[in-house]
Amino acid sequence: MLSAAIDVYQFDDPEKEKRFQHLTFELRCPKCQNQNIADSNAEISQDLRTKIFQMLNAGKSDDEIVDYMVERYGDFVLYEPRVKPQTYLLWFGPGLFLLLGLLVVVLIIRSRNKAYKEANDHAPSLSNSEAKTLDALLKTKQGKK
């Protein structure tokens, strides 16, 4: 027989309950990795939910609770890590890679255009008599249509 533990927390203020819901959905379970502590059944998540409940009832702010969790478990518990030197690559890396990709595409297009232009510049040009012959042939061909 399987059983699941269900946490029941009684709040004296609906605002505290909203804050509890928000915090438990925003913090990641240190054990489960891709689950928030609201959805996780891991024992540590149950302990963290209880700790958040206690801290809310003690009058702690959301920032104080998050700081406590980060101090204890590291930035990993945050689904959206704070912007700081250790997370610059995480925050700005995708944009930098996109810009780098666009730069490569622009450079490739410019080099191909330059090569095409150089090839056309060195192409032999027609003499006057050859140009007249070509015009005559094109006119005859257009006349047959």
N, C-alpha and C. Protein backbone atom coordinates (compact mmCIF):
# COMPACT_ATOMS: atom_id res chain seq x y z
N MET A 1 0.84 -1.18 0.00
CA MET A 1 0.00 0.00 0.00
C MET A 1 0.89 1.25 0.00
N LEU A 2 0.61 2.13 -0.91
CA LEU A 2 1.36 3.38 -1.00
C LEU A 2 0.59 4.48 -0.29
N SER A 3 1.35 5.35 0.34
CA SER A 3 0.71 6.51 0.96
C SER A 3 1.55 7.74 0.70
N ALA A 4 0.90 8.85 0.57
CA ALA A 4 1.61 10.10 0.34
C ALA A 4 1.35 11.03 1.52
N ALA A 5 2.39 11.69 1.94
CA ALA A 5 2.24 12.64 3.04
C ALA A 5 1.65 13.93 2.50
N ILE A 6 0.65 14.42 3.17
CA ILE A 6 0.03 15.67 2.76
C ILE A 6 0.25 16.67 3.87
N ASP A 7 0.87 17.78 3.52
CA ASP A 7 1.13 18.83 4.49
C ASP A 7 -0.09 19.73 4.59
N VAL A 8 -0.49 20.02 5.80
CA VAL A 8 -1.60 20.94 6.01
C VAL A 8 -1.09 22.05 6.91
N TYR A 9 -1.16 23.26 6.38
CA TYR A 9 -0.68 24.42 7.14
C TYR A 9 -1.85 25.37 7.33
N GLN A 10 -2.07 25.77 8.55
CA GLN A 10 -3.14 26.70 8.88
C GLN A 10 -2.57 28.11 8.97
N PHE A 11 -3.08 28.99 8.13
CA PHE A 11 -2.62 30.37 8.12
C PHE A 11 -3.70 31.26 8.72
N ASP A 12 -3.25 32.22 9.53
CA ASP A 12 -4.20 33.16 10.12
C ASP A 12 -4.47 34.35 9.20
N ASP A 13 -3.70 34.41 8.11
CA ASP A 13 -3.81 35.54 7.19
C ASP A 13 -3.73 35.01 5.75
N PRO A 14 -4.70 35.33 4.91
CA PRO A 14 -4.65 34.84 3.51
C PRO A 14 -3.41 35.34 2.76
N GLU A 15 -2.90 36.50 3.14
CA GLU A 15 -1.69 37.04 2.50
C GLU A 15 -0.49 36.13 2.77
N LYS A 16 -0.39 35.62 3.98
CA LYS A 16 0.70 34.69 4.33
C LYS A 16 0.58 33.40 3.52
N GLU A 17 -0.65 32.96 3.33
CA GLU A 17 -0.86 31.74 2.55
C GLU A 17 -0.43 31.95 1.10
N LYS A 18 -0.75 33.12 0.53
CA LYS A 18 -0.31 33.44 -0.84
C LYS A 18 1.21 33.47 -0.92
N ARG A 19 1.84 34.10 0.06
CA ARG A 19 3.30 34.17 0.09
C ARG A 19 3.90 32.76 0.21
N PHE A 20 3.28 31.92 1.04
CA PHE A 20 3.75 30.54 1.20
C PHE A 20 3.68 29.80 -0.14
N GLN A 21 2.53 29.93 -0.82
CA GLN A 21 2.36 29.28 -2.12
C GLN A 21 3.40 29.78 -3.12
N HIS A 22 3.59 31.09 -3.16
CA HIS A 22 4.56 31.68 -4.08
C HIS A 22 5.98 31.16 -3.79
N LEU A 23 6.37 31.19 -2.53
CA LEU A 23 7.73 30.76 -2.17
C LEU A 23 7.95 29.28 -2.46
N THR A 24 6.98 28.44 -2.14
CA THR A 24 7.18 27.01 -2.37
C THR A 24 7.17 26.66 -3.86
N PHE A 25 6.54 27.48 -4.68
CA PHE A 25 6.59 27.24 -6.12
C PHE A 25 7.85 27.80 -6.75
N GLU A 26 8.45 28.81 -6.13
CA GLU A 26 9.64 29.45 -6.68
C GLU A 26 10.95 28.79 -6.25
N LEU A 27 10.92 27.99 -5.21
CA LEU A 27 12.15 27.36 -4.71
C LEU A 27 12.21 25.91 -5.18
N ARG A 28 13.39 25.51 -5.62
CA ARG A 28 13.62 24.17 -6.17
C ARG A 28 14.00 23.20 -5.05
N CYS A 29 13.55 21.98 -5.18
CA CYS A 29 13.91 20.93 -4.23
C CYS A 29 15.39 20.57 -4.42
N PRO A 30 16.18 20.61 -3.36
CA PRO A 30 17.61 20.29 -3.50
C PRO A 30 17.86 18.83 -3.91
N LYS A 31 16.91 17.96 -3.63
CA LYS A 31 17.09 16.55 -3.96
C LYS A 31 16.53 16.20 -5.35
N CYS A 32 15.36 16.72 -5.66
CA CYS A 32 14.67 16.34 -6.89
C CYS A 32 15.21 17.06 -8.13
N GLN A 33 15.81 18.16 -7.97
CA GLN A 33 16.45 18.97 -9.00
C GLN A 33 15.48 19.67 -9.94
N ASN A 34 14.51 19.00 -10.50
CA ASN A 34 13.62 19.67 -11.45
C ASN A 34 12.19 19.75 -10.94
N GLN A 35 12.05 19.82 -9.63
CA GLN A 35 10.74 19.99 -9.02
C GLN A 35 10.84 21.09 -7.98
N ASN A 36 9.77 21.85 -7.86
CA ASN A 36 9.78 22.84 -6.79
C ASN A 36 9.40 22.16 -5.48
N ILE A 37 9.60 22.86 -4.38
CA ILE A 37 9.35 22.20 -3.09
C ILE A 37 7.85 22.06 -2.82
N ALA A 38 7.02 22.76 -3.56
CA ALA A 38 5.57 22.60 -3.40
C ALA A 38 5.12 21.26 -3.96
N ASP A 39 5.72 20.82 -5.04
CA ASP A 39 5.29 19.58 -5.72
C ASP A 39 6.07 18.35 -5.30
N SER A 40 7.20 18.53 -4.66
CA SER A 40 8.06 17.41 -4.33
C SER A 40 7.58 16.67 -3.08
N ASN A 41 7.70 15.35 -3.12
CA ASN A 41 7.37 14.53 -1.95
C ASN A 41 8.61 14.14 -1.16
N ALA A 42 9.77 14.65 -1.57
CA ALA A 42 11.01 14.32 -0.86
C ALA A 42 10.93 14.85 0.57
N GLU A 43 11.56 14.13 1.46
CA GLU A 43 11.53 14.51 2.87
C GLU A 43 12.10 15.92 3.09
N ILE A 44 13.16 16.24 2.36
CA ILE A 44 13.76 17.56 2.52
C ILE A 44 12.79 18.66 2.09
N SER A 45 11.98 18.40 1.08
CA SER A 45 11.00 19.40 0.64
C SER A 45 9.92 19.60 1.71
N GLN A 46 9.54 18.52 2.34
CA GLN A 46 8.57 18.64 3.44
C GLN A 46 9.16 19.49 4.56
N ASP A 47 10.44 19.24 4.88
CA ASP A 47 11.11 20.03 5.91
C ASP A 47 11.20 21.50 5.51
N LEU A 48 11.50 21.76 4.23
CA LEU A 48 11.62 23.15 3.77
C LEU A 48 10.27 23.86 3.79
N ARG A 49 9.20 23.16 3.43
CA ARG A 49 7.87 23.76 3.51
C ARG A 49 7.54 24.14 4.96
N THR A 50 7.88 23.23 5.88
CA THR A 50 7.64 23.51 7.30
C THR A 50 8.47 24.71 7.75
N LYS A 51 9.73 24.77 7.31
CA LYS A 51 10.60 25.89 7.69
C LYS A 51 10.05 27.21 7.14
N ILE A 52 9.58 27.20 5.90
CA ILE A 52 9.00 28.42 5.31
C ILE A 52 7.76 28.84 6.11
N PHE A 53 6.93 27.87 6.47
CA PHE A 53 5.74 28.16 7.27
C PHE A 53 6.13 28.81 8.60
N GLN A 54 7.14 28.24 9.26
CA GLN A 54 7.59 28.78 10.54
C GLN A 54 8.16 30.19 10.38
N MET A 55 8.95 30.39 9.33
CA MET A 55 9.56 31.71 9.12
C MET A 55 8.51 32.76 8.79
N LEU A 56 7.49 32.38 8.02
CA LEU A 56 6.40 33.31 7.72
C LEU A 56 5.67 33.71 9.00
N ASN A 57 5.40 32.73 9.84
CA ASN A 57 4.71 33.02 11.10
C ASN A 57 5.58 33.81 12.06
N ALA A 58 6.90 33.74 11.88
CA ALA A 58 7.83 34.51 12.72
C ALA A 58 7.97 35.94 12.19
N GLY A 59 7.30 36.25 11.08
CA GLY A 59 7.33 37.61 10.56
C GLY A 59 8.45 37.89 9.58
N LYS A 60 9.12 36.86 9.07
CA LYS A 60 10.21 37.06 8.11
C LYS A 60 9.64 37.47 6.75
N SER A 61 10.41 38.30 6.05
CA SER A 61 10.00 38.73 4.70
C SER A 61 10.37 37.64 3.69
N ASP A 62 9.81 37.75 2.50
CA ASP A 62 10.13 36.79 1.44
C ASP A 62 11.62 36.79 1.13
N ASP A 63 12.21 37.98 1.08
CA ASP A 63 13.65 38.08 0.80
C ASP A 63 14.48 37.39 1.88
N GLU A 64 14.08 37.55 3.13
CA GLU A 64 14.81 36.90 4.22
C GLU A 64 14.72 35.38 4.12
N ILE A 65 13.55 34.90 3.74
CA ILE A 65 13.36 33.45 3.60
C ILE A 65 14.19 32.92 2.44
N VAL A 66 14.16 33.61 1.31
CA VAL A 66 14.94 33.19 0.14
C VAL A 66 16.43 33.25 0.46
N ASP A 67 16.86 34.32 1.13
CA ASP A 67 18.28 34.43 1.51
C ASP A 67 18.70 33.28 2.42
N TYR A 68 17.84 32.89 3.34
CA TYR A 68 18.12 31.76 4.22
C TYR A 68 18.31 30.48 3.40
N MET A 69 17.41 30.25 2.46
CA MET A 69 17.48 29.03 1.64
C MET A 69 18.74 29.04 0.76
N VAL A 70 19.07 30.19 0.18
CA VAL A 70 20.25 30.29 -0.67
C VAL A 70 21.51 30.11 0.17
N GLU A 71 21.53 30.69 1.35
CA GLU A 71 22.69 30.54 2.23
C GLU A 71 22.90 29.08 2.61
N ARG A 72 21.82 28.38 2.80
CA ARG A 72 21.91 26.99 3.24
C ARG A 72 22.14 26.02 2.08
N TYR A 73 21.50 26.24 0.94
CA TYR A 73 21.53 25.28 -0.16
C TYR A 73 22.17 25.80 -1.44
N GLY A 74 22.56 27.06 -1.47
CA GLY A 74 23.19 27.63 -2.65
C GLY A 74 22.18 28.15 -3.65
N ASP A 75 22.69 28.75 -4.72
CA ASP A 75 21.83 29.33 -5.76
C ASP A 75 20.99 28.29 -6.47
N PHE A 76 21.35 27.03 -6.32
CA PHE A 76 20.62 25.95 -7.00
C PHE A 76 19.14 25.95 -6.63
N VAL A 77 18.80 26.37 -5.42
CA VAL A 77 17.39 26.32 -5.00
C VAL A 77 16.54 27.38 -5.70
N LEU A 78 17.16 28.30 -6.39
CA LEU A 78 16.41 29.34 -7.10
C LEU A 78 16.18 28.92 -8.55
N TYR A 79 14.94 28.96 -8.99
CA TYR A 79 14.68 28.69 -10.40
C TYR A 79 15.17 29.83 -11.27
N GLU A 80 15.18 31.04 -10.73
CA GLU A 80 15.73 32.20 -11.43
C GLU A 80 16.87 32.76 -10.60
N PRO A 81 18.09 32.30 -10.85
CA PRO A 81 19.23 32.77 -10.05
C PRO A 81 19.42 34.28 -10.19
N ARG A 82 19.97 34.85 -9.17
CA ARG A 82 20.22 36.30 -9.16
C ARG A 82 21.34 36.64 -10.15
N VAL A 83 21.29 37.87 -10.67
CA VAL A 83 22.33 38.33 -11.59
C VAL A 83 23.52 38.78 -10.75
N LYS A 84 24.62 38.05 -10.90
CA LYS A 84 25.87 38.36 -10.22
C LYS A 84 26.99 37.78 -11.05
N PRO A 85 28.24 38.12 -10.76
CA PRO A 85 29.34 37.66 -11.62
C PRO A 85 29.35 36.14 -11.88
N GLN A 86 28.96 35.35 -10.92
CA GLN A 86 28.96 33.89 -11.12
C GLN A 86 27.87 33.43 -12.08
N THR A 87 26.85 34.26 -12.29
CA THR A 87 25.74 33.84 -13.16
C THR A 87 25.64 34.68 -14.44
N TYR A 88 26.64 35.51 -14.72
CA TYR A 88 26.59 36.33 -15.94
C TYR A 88 26.44 35.47 -17.19
N LEU A 89 27.21 34.39 -17.28
CA LEU A 89 27.13 33.54 -18.47
C LEU A 89 25.73 32.95 -18.62
N LEU A 90 25.14 32.56 -17.52
CA LEU A 90 23.79 32.01 -17.55
C LEU A 90 22.77 33.04 -18.05
N TRP A 91 22.89 34.27 -17.59
CA TRP A 91 21.95 35.31 -17.96
C TRP A 91 22.23 35.91 -19.33
N PHE A 92 23.50 36.17 -19.63
CA PHE A 92 23.84 36.90 -20.85
C PHE A 92 24.39 36.00 -21.96
N GLY A 93 24.73 34.77 -21.65
CA GLY A 93 25.30 33.84 -22.62
C GLY A 93 24.42 33.62 -23.85
N PRO A 94 23.12 33.32 -23.67
CA PRO A 94 22.28 33.10 -24.85
C PRO A 94 22.26 34.29 -25.80
N GLY A 95 22.18 35.50 -25.27
CA GLY A 95 22.19 36.69 -26.12
C GLY A 95 23.52 36.86 -26.84
N LEU A 96 24.61 36.58 -26.12
CA LEU A 96 25.93 36.69 -26.74
C LEU A 96 26.10 35.67 -27.85
N PHE A 97 25.63 34.44 -27.62
CA PHE A 97 25.72 33.41 -28.66
C PHE A 97 24.86 33.77 -29.87
N LEU A 98 23.71 34.38 -29.63
CA LEU A 98 22.86 34.81 -30.73
C LEU A 98 23.56 35.90 -31.55
N LEU A 99 24.14 36.88 -30.87
CA LEU A 99 24.87 37.94 -31.58
C LEU A 99 26.06 37.37 -32.34
N LEU A 100 26.77 36.44 -31.73
CA LEU A 100 27.91 35.81 -32.40
C LEU A 100 27.45 35.07 -33.65
N GLY A 101 26.34 34.35 -33.55
CA GLY A 101 25.79 33.64 -34.71
C GLY A 101 25.39 34.59 -35.83
N LEU A 102 24.75 35.71 -35.47
CA LEU A 102 24.37 36.71 -36.47
C LEU A 102 25.61 37.32 -37.13
N LEU A 103 26.64 37.57 -36.34
CA LEU A 103 27.88 38.11 -36.88
C LEU A 103 28.50 37.14 -37.89
N VAL A 104 28.51 35.86 -37.56
CA VAL A 104 29.05 34.85 -38.47
C VAL A 104 28.25 34.82 -39.77
N VAL A 105 26.93 34.86 -39.67
CA VAL A 105 26.08 34.85 -40.87
C VAL A 105 26.36 36.08 -41.74
N VAL A 106 26.46 37.26 -41.12
CA VAL A 106 26.74 38.49 -41.87
C VAL A 106 28.09 38.39 -42.56
N LEU A 107 29.11 37.90 -41.85
CA LEU A 107 30.44 37.78 -42.45
C LEU A 107 30.45 36.80 -43.61
N ILE A 108 29.73 35.70 -43.48
CA ILE A 108 29.67 34.72 -44.58
C ILE A 108 28.98 35.34 -45.80
N ILE A 109 27.87 36.03 -45.57
CA ILE A 109 27.15 36.66 -46.69
C ILE A 109 28.03 37.71 -47.37
N ARG A 110 28.71 38.52 -46.58
CA ARG A 110 29.58 39.55 -47.17
C ARG A 110 30.72 38.93 -47.97
N SER A 111 31.31 37.85 -47.46
CA SER A 111 32.43 37.23 -48.19
C SER A 111 31.93 36.60 -49.49
N ARG A 112 30.74 36.02 -49.48
CA ARG A 112 30.18 35.43 -50.70
C ARG A 112 29.85 36.52 -51.72
N ASN A 113 29.29 37.62 -51.25
CA ASN A 113 28.99 38.74 -52.16
C ASN A 113 30.27 39.30 -52.77
N LYS A 114 31.30 39.41 -51.96
CA LYS A 114 32.58 39.93 -52.44
C LYS A 114 33.17 38.97 -53.48
N ALA A 115 33.12 37.66 -53.20
CA ALA A 115 33.65 36.68 -54.15
C ALA A 115 32.86 36.71 -55.45
N TYR A 116 31.53 36.85 -55.36
CA TYR A 116 30.69 36.91 -56.55
C TYR A 116 31.02 38.16 -57.37
N LYS A 117 31.18 39.27 -56.69
CA LYS A 117 31.49 40.52 -57.38
C LYS A 117 32.85 40.44 -58.06
N GLU A 118 33.83 39.87 -57.38
CA GLU A 118 35.17 39.73 -57.97
C GLU A 118 35.13 38.81 -59.18
N ALA A 119 34.34 37.74 -59.10
CA ALA A 119 34.24 36.81 -60.22
C ALA A 119 33.60 37.50 -61.43
N ASN A 120 32.60 38.33 -61.18
CA ASN A 120 31.95 39.05 -62.28
C ASN A 120 32.83 40.15 -62.84
N ASP A 121 33.66 40.76 -62.01
CA ASP A 121 34.56 41.80 -62.49
C ASP A 121 35.62 41.23 -63.44
N HIS A 122 36.00 39.99 -63.22
CA HIS A 122 37.03 39.37 -64.04
C HIS A 122 36.46 38.57 -65.21
N ALA A 123 35.15 38.56 -65.34
CA ALA A 123 34.53 37.84 -66.45
C ALA A 123 34.82 38.60 -67.74
N PRO A 124 35.08 37.85 -68.81
CA PRO A 124 35.38 38.53 -70.08
C PRO A 124 34.14 39.27 -70.57
N SER A 125 34.36 40.48 -71.08
CA SER A 125 33.24 41.26 -71.60
C SER A 125 33.13 41.03 -73.11
N LEU A 126 31.96 41.31 -73.63
CA LEU A 126 31.72 41.10 -75.05
C LEU A 126 32.21 42.31 -75.85
N SER A 127 32.73 42.01 -77.01
CA SER A 127 33.10 43.11 -77.93
C SER A 127 31.82 43.66 -78.54
N ASN A 128 31.93 44.77 -79.25
CA ASN A 128 30.75 45.39 -79.88
C ASN A 128 30.09 44.45 -80.88
N SER A 129 30.89 43.77 -81.68
CA SER A 129 30.31 42.87 -82.69
C SER A 129 29.64 41.67 -82.01
N GLU A 130 30.24 41.16 -80.92
CA GLU A 130 29.63 40.04 -80.20
C GLU A 130 28.32 40.48 -79.54
N ALA A 131 28.28 41.69 -79.01
CA ALA A 131 27.07 42.20 -78.37
C ALA A 131 25.95 42.35 -79.40
N LYS A 132 26.29 42.83 -80.62
CA LYS A 132 25.29 42.98 -81.68
C LYS A 132 24.76 41.62 -82.10
N THR A 133 25.66 40.64 -82.21
CA THR A 133 25.26 39.29 -82.60
C THR A 133 24.32 38.70 -81.54
N LEU A 134 24.66 38.90 -80.27
CA LEU A 134 23.83 38.39 -79.18
C LEU A 134 22.45 39.05 -79.20
N ASP A 135 22.41 40.35 -79.40
CA ASP A 135 21.12 41.06 -79.48
C ASP A 135 20.27 40.53 -80.63
N ALA A 136 20.91 40.29 -81.76
CA ALA A 136 20.18 39.78 -82.93
C ALA A 136 19.62 38.39 -82.63
N LEU A 137 20.42 37.54 -82.01
CA LEU A 137 19.95 36.19 -81.67
C LEU A 137 18.78 36.24 -80.69
N LEU A 138 18.87 37.12 -79.69
CA LEU A 138 17.79 37.23 -78.71
C LEU A 138 16.51 37.75 -79.36
N LYS A 139 16.63 38.70 -80.27
CA LYS A 139 15.45 39.24 -80.95
C LYS A 139 14.80 38.17 -81.82
N THR A 140 15.63 37.36 -82.49
CA THR A 140 15.08 36.29 -83.33
C THR A 140 14.36 35.26 -82.48
N LYS A 141 14.94 34.97 -81.35
CA LYS A 141 14.33 33.98 -80.46
C LYS A 141 13.01 34.52 -79.91
N GLN A 142 12.96 35.80 -79.57
CA GLN A 142 11.74 36.41 -79.04
C GLN A 142 10.67 36.48 -80.13
N GLY A 143 11.09 36.66 -81.33
CA GLY A 143 10.15 36.74 -82.45
C GLY A 143 9.50 35.39 -82.72
N LYS A 144 10.15 34.29 -82.43
CA LYS A 144 9.62 32.95 -82.69
C LYS A 144 8.56 32.54 -81.66
N LYS A 145 8.49 33.24 -80.54
CA LYS A 145 7.53 32.86 -79.49
C LYS A 145 6.16 33.20 -79.87
